[in-house]
Amino acid sequence: MDLVPDIDNNGFLDNNDFQCMALRATVIEGKGDINPARLNEYKFIMKSLWDEISALADFDKDGKITTDEFKQAVKQTCVGKPYSEFPKVSA
């Protein structure tokens, strides 16, 4: 699953992966330094993204999204539909 990285390589996506992406983005943006305010902003963004993705793809509600769940979610929400019917991202 390369669209959203399994940062800790445990075989599924979970909130931890998204929080790690927040830290990674902060370190990259700060060129090695961590700005706590920016980290909190990224954590909020990534938590919101995780909540939206898990609502669509975590079918068994175990807090993990497997590759099969992700594929099933894409099929149900996107395949065969015009772009205008794709799920909207909350701001």
N, C-alpha and C. Protein backbone atom coordinates (compact mmCIF):
# COMPACT_ATOMS: atom_id res chain seq x y z
N MET A 1 0.85 -1.16 0.00
CA MET A 1 0.00 0.00 0.00
C MET A 1 0.90 1.22 0.00
N ASP A 2 1.13 1.79 -1.16
CA ASP A 2 2.07 2.89 -1.28
C ASP A 2 1.43 4.27 -1.25
N LEU A 3 0.12 4.34 -1.40
CA LEU A 3 -0.51 5.66 -1.40
C LEU A 3 -0.36 6.35 -0.06
N VAL A 4 -0.58 5.62 1.00
CA VAL A 4 -0.38 6.11 2.36
C VAL A 4 0.55 5.13 3.03
N PRO A 5 1.74 5.57 3.41
CA PRO A 5 2.74 4.63 3.88
C PRO A 5 2.45 4.01 5.24
N ASP A 6 2.76 2.73 5.32
CA ASP A 6 2.74 2.00 6.58
C ASP A 6 4.09 2.28 7.24
N ILE A 7 4.18 3.40 7.92
CA ILE A 7 5.45 3.92 8.45
C ILE A 7 6.16 2.90 9.34
N ASP A 8 5.42 2.21 10.20
CA ASP A 8 6.07 1.28 11.12
C ASP A 8 6.14 -0.16 10.60
N ASN A 9 5.75 -0.34 9.35
CA ASN A 9 5.85 -1.64 8.67
C ASN A 9 5.22 -2.78 9.44
N ASN A 10 4.05 -2.54 10.05
CA ASN A 10 3.37 -3.61 10.76
C ASN A 10 2.30 -4.30 9.91
N GLY A 11 2.18 -3.90 8.65
CA GLY A 11 1.28 -4.57 7.73
C GLY A 11 -0.09 -3.95 7.58
N PHE A 12 -0.35 -2.86 8.27
CA PHE A 12 -1.64 -2.18 8.15
C PHE A 12 -1.46 -0.71 8.49
N LEU A 13 -2.48 0.07 8.15
CA LEU A 13 -2.49 1.49 8.51
C LEU A 13 -3.23 1.65 9.82
N ASP A 14 -2.73 2.56 10.64
CA ASP A 14 -3.42 2.92 11.87
C ASP A 14 -3.08 4.37 12.20
N ASN A 15 -3.67 4.86 13.27
CA ASN A 15 -3.45 6.26 13.64
C ASN A 15 -1.97 6.54 13.87
N ASN A 16 -1.23 5.58 14.40
CA ASN A 16 0.20 5.77 14.65
C ASN A 16 0.95 6.14 13.37
N ASP A 17 0.61 5.51 12.25
CA ASP A 17 1.26 5.83 10.98
C ASP A 17 1.05 7.30 10.62
N PHE A 18 -0.15 7.80 10.85
CA PHE A 18 -0.47 9.19 10.51
C PHE A 18 0.22 10.16 11.45
N GLN A 19 0.34 9.80 12.72
CA GLN A 19 1.06 10.66 13.67
C GLN A 19 2.55 10.68 13.34
N CYS A 20 3.09 9.55 12.89
CA CYS A 20 4.49 9.51 12.45
C CYS A 20 4.70 10.40 11.22
N MET A 21 3.71 10.41 10.32
CA MET A 21 3.81 11.29 9.15
C MET A 21 3.81 12.75 9.58
N ALA A 22 3.07 13.08 10.64
CA ALA A 22 3.06 14.45 11.15
C ALA A 22 4.45 14.84 11.65
N LEU A 23 5.07 13.95 12.39
CA LEU A 23 6.42 14.21 12.90
C LEU A 23 7.41 14.34 11.74
N ARG A 24 7.30 13.44 10.79
CA ARG A 24 8.19 13.47 9.63
C ARG A 24 8.07 14.78 8.85
N ALA A 25 6.83 15.23 8.63
CA ALA A 25 6.61 16.49 7.90
C ALA A 25 7.21 17.66 8.67
N THR A 26 7.08 17.63 9.99
CA THR A 26 7.63 18.71 10.81
C THR A 26 9.15 18.75 10.74
N VAL A 27 9.78 17.58 10.80
CA VAL A 27 11.24 17.51 10.73
C VAL A 27 11.74 17.97 9.37
N ILE A 28 11.06 17.52 8.31
CA ILE A 28 11.46 17.93 6.96
C ILE A 28 11.29 19.43 6.79
N GLU A 29 10.15 19.95 7.21
CA GLU A 29 9.89 21.39 7.09
C GLU A 29 10.92 22.20 7.88
N GLY A 30 11.28 21.70 9.06
CA GLY A 30 12.23 22.41 9.92
C GLY A 30 13.68 22.09 9.63
N LYS A 31 13.91 21.32 8.56
CA LYS A 31 15.27 20.93 8.16
C LYS A 31 16.04 20.34 9.35
N GLY A 32 15.34 19.45 10.07
CA GLY A 32 15.95 18.76 11.19
C GLY A 32 15.51 19.28 12.54
N ASP A 33 14.99 20.47 12.58
CA ASP A 33 14.50 21.04 13.83
C ASP A 33 12.99 20.82 13.93
N ILE A 34 12.50 20.69 15.16
CA ILE A 34 11.07 20.48 15.38
C ILE A 34 10.48 21.72 16.03
N ASN A 35 9.53 22.32 15.34
CA ASN A 35 8.78 23.44 15.89
C ASN A 35 7.52 22.84 16.53
N PRO A 36 7.39 22.91 17.86
CA PRO A 36 6.24 22.28 18.54
C PRO A 36 4.88 22.75 18.03
N ALA A 37 4.76 24.03 17.70
CA ALA A 37 3.49 24.54 17.20
C ALA A 37 3.15 23.90 15.85
N ARG A 38 4.14 23.80 14.96
CA ARG A 38 3.90 23.17 13.65
C ARG A 38 3.61 21.68 13.81
N LEU A 39 4.29 21.03 14.75
CA LEU A 39 4.03 19.62 15.01
C LEU A 39 2.57 19.44 15.43
N ASN A 40 2.08 20.28 16.30
CA ASN A 40 0.68 20.18 16.72
C ASN A 40 -0.28 20.40 15.56
N GLU A 41 0.06 21.33 14.67
CA GLU A 41 -0.78 21.55 13.48
C GLU A 41 -0.80 20.31 12.60
N TYR A 42 0.39 19.76 12.33
CA TYR A 42 0.45 18.55 11.51
C TYR A 42 -0.25 17.37 12.17
N LYS A 43 -0.13 17.25 13.50
CA LYS A 43 -0.81 16.17 14.21
C LYS A 43 -2.32 16.29 14.05
N PHE A 44 -2.84 17.51 14.14
CA PHE A 44 -4.27 17.73 13.97
C PHE A 44 -4.71 17.35 12.55
N ILE A 45 -3.95 17.79 11.57
CA ILE A 45 -4.27 17.48 10.17
C ILE A 45 -4.26 15.98 9.95
N MET A 46 -3.24 15.31 10.42
CA MET A 46 -3.12 13.86 10.19
C MET A 46 -4.17 13.08 10.97
N LYS A 47 -4.53 13.53 12.16
CA LYS A 47 -5.60 12.87 12.92
C LYS A 47 -6.91 13.00 12.18
N SER A 48 -7.17 14.18 11.63
CA SER A 48 -8.40 14.39 10.86
C SER A 48 -8.42 13.50 9.63
N LEU A 49 -7.29 13.41 8.96
CA LEU A 49 -7.19 12.55 7.77
C LEU A 49 -7.42 11.09 8.15
N TRP A 50 -6.78 10.65 9.24
CA TRP A 50 -6.97 9.27 9.71
C TRP A 50 -8.45 9.02 10.02
N ASP A 51 -9.10 9.94 10.69
CA ASP A 51 -10.51 9.76 11.04
C ASP A 51 -11.37 9.59 9.79
N GLU A 52 -11.10 10.39 8.77
CA GLU A 52 -11.87 10.29 7.53
C GLU A 52 -11.60 8.98 6.80
N ILE A 53 -10.35 8.60 6.71
CA ILE A 53 -10.01 7.36 6.01
C ILE A 53 -10.54 6.15 6.77
N SER A 54 -10.39 6.15 8.09
CA SER A 54 -10.85 4.99 8.85
C SER A 54 -12.38 4.87 8.81
N ALA A 55 -13.08 5.99 8.73
CA ALA A 55 -14.54 5.93 8.61
C ALA A 55 -14.97 5.23 7.32
N LEU A 56 -14.17 5.39 6.28
CA LEU A 56 -14.48 4.78 4.99
C LEU A 56 -13.94 3.35 4.84
N ALA A 57 -12.84 3.05 5.53
CA ALA A 57 -12.13 1.80 5.21
C ALA A 57 -11.97 0.81 6.36
N ASP A 58 -12.16 1.22 7.59
CA ASP A 58 -11.98 0.30 8.71
C ASP A 58 -13.29 -0.43 8.96
N PHE A 59 -13.58 -1.40 8.12
CA PHE A 59 -14.87 -2.07 8.13
C PHE A 59 -15.14 -2.84 9.42
N ASP A 60 -14.11 -3.43 10.00
CA ASP A 60 -14.32 -4.21 11.23
C ASP A 60 -14.10 -3.37 12.50
N LYS A 61 -13.82 -2.08 12.33
CA LYS A 61 -13.68 -1.12 13.43
C LYS A 61 -12.66 -1.56 14.48
N ASP A 62 -11.53 -2.11 14.01
CA ASP A 62 -10.49 -2.54 14.94
C ASP A 62 -9.35 -1.53 15.06
N GLY A 63 -9.51 -0.36 14.42
CA GLY A 63 -8.48 0.67 14.48
C GLY A 63 -7.32 0.43 13.53
N LYS A 64 -7.50 -0.52 12.61
CA LYS A 64 -6.47 -0.86 11.62
C LYS A 64 -7.13 -0.96 10.25
N ILE A 65 -6.39 -0.54 9.23
CA ILE A 65 -6.87 -0.70 7.86
C ILE A 65 -5.90 -1.59 7.13
N THR A 66 -6.39 -2.75 6.74
CA THR A 66 -5.57 -3.70 5.98
C THR A 66 -5.61 -3.31 4.50
N THR A 67 -4.73 -3.92 3.74
CA THR A 67 -4.72 -3.68 2.29
C THR A 67 -6.06 -4.05 1.69
N ASP A 68 -6.63 -5.19 2.11
CA ASP A 68 -7.93 -5.61 1.57
C ASP A 68 -9.04 -4.62 1.92
N GLU A 69 -9.03 -4.10 3.14
CA GLU A 69 -10.03 -3.10 3.52
C GLU A 69 -9.87 -1.83 2.69
N PHE A 70 -8.63 -1.42 2.47
CA PHE A 70 -8.37 -0.22 1.68
C PHE A 70 -8.88 -0.40 0.25
N LYS A 71 -8.58 -1.55 -0.34
CA LYS A 71 -9.05 -1.83 -1.71
C LYS A 71 -10.57 -1.85 -1.76
N GLN A 72 -11.20 -2.48 -0.78
CA GLN A 72 -12.66 -2.56 -0.74
C GLN A 72 -13.27 -1.16 -0.63
N ALA A 73 -12.67 -0.31 0.19
CA ALA A 73 -13.17 1.05 0.35
C ALA A 73 -13.07 1.83 -0.95
N VAL A 74 -11.95 1.69 -1.66
CA VAL A 74 -11.80 2.38 -2.94
C VAL A 74 -12.86 1.90 -3.92
N LYS A 75 -13.09 0.59 -3.98
CA LYS A 75 -14.11 0.05 -4.87
C LYS A 75 -15.49 0.62 -4.54
N GLN A 76 -15.82 0.64 -3.26
CA GLN A 76 -17.15 1.09 -2.85
C GLN A 76 -17.36 2.59 -3.03
N THR A 77 -16.32 3.37 -2.83
CA THR A 77 -16.51 4.82 -2.83
C THR A 77 -16.12 5.50 -4.14
N CYS A 78 -15.33 4.83 -4.98
CA CYS A 78 -14.78 5.51 -6.15
C CYS A 78 -15.01 4.80 -7.49
N VAL A 79 -14.82 3.50 -7.54
CA VAL A 79 -14.84 2.78 -8.81
C VAL A 79 -16.22 2.90 -9.47
N GLY A 80 -16.19 3.32 -10.72
CA GLY A 80 -17.40 3.43 -11.51
C GLY A 80 -18.20 4.70 -11.26
N LYS A 81 -17.67 5.59 -10.44
CA LYS A 81 -18.39 6.83 -10.14
C LYS A 81 -17.65 8.01 -10.75
N PRO A 82 -18.38 9.05 -11.12
CA PRO A 82 -17.70 10.25 -11.59
C PRO A 82 -16.98 10.93 -10.42
N TYR A 83 -15.96 11.68 -10.73
CA TYR A 83 -15.16 12.35 -9.70
C TYR A 83 -16.01 13.17 -8.75
N SER A 84 -17.07 13.76 -9.26
CA SER A 84 -17.94 14.61 -8.43
C SER A 84 -18.62 13.83 -7.31
N GLU A 85 -18.68 12.50 -7.42
CA GLU A 85 -19.30 11.67 -6.40
C GLU A 85 -18.30 11.05 -5.42
N PHE A 86 -17.02 11.34 -5.60
CA PHE A 86 -16.01 10.83 -4.68
C PHE A 86 -16.21 11.47 -3.30
N PRO A 87 -15.76 10.82 -2.24
CA PRO A 87 -15.87 11.43 -0.91
C PRO A 87 -15.15 12.78 -0.87
N LYS A 88 -15.75 13.71 -0.18
CA LYS A 88 -15.15 15.05 -0.04
C LYS A 88 -14.26 15.08 1.18
N VAL A 89 -13.15 15.78 1.07
CA VAL A 89 -12.23 15.96 2.20
C VAL A 89 -12.71 17.13 3.03
N SER A 90 -12.79 16.90 4.34
CA SER A 90 -13.17 17.99 5.24
C SER A 90 -12.01 18.95 5.40
N ALA A 91 -12.31 20.19 5.59
CA ALA A 91 -11.25 21.19 5.80
C ALA A 91 -11.11 21.54 7.25
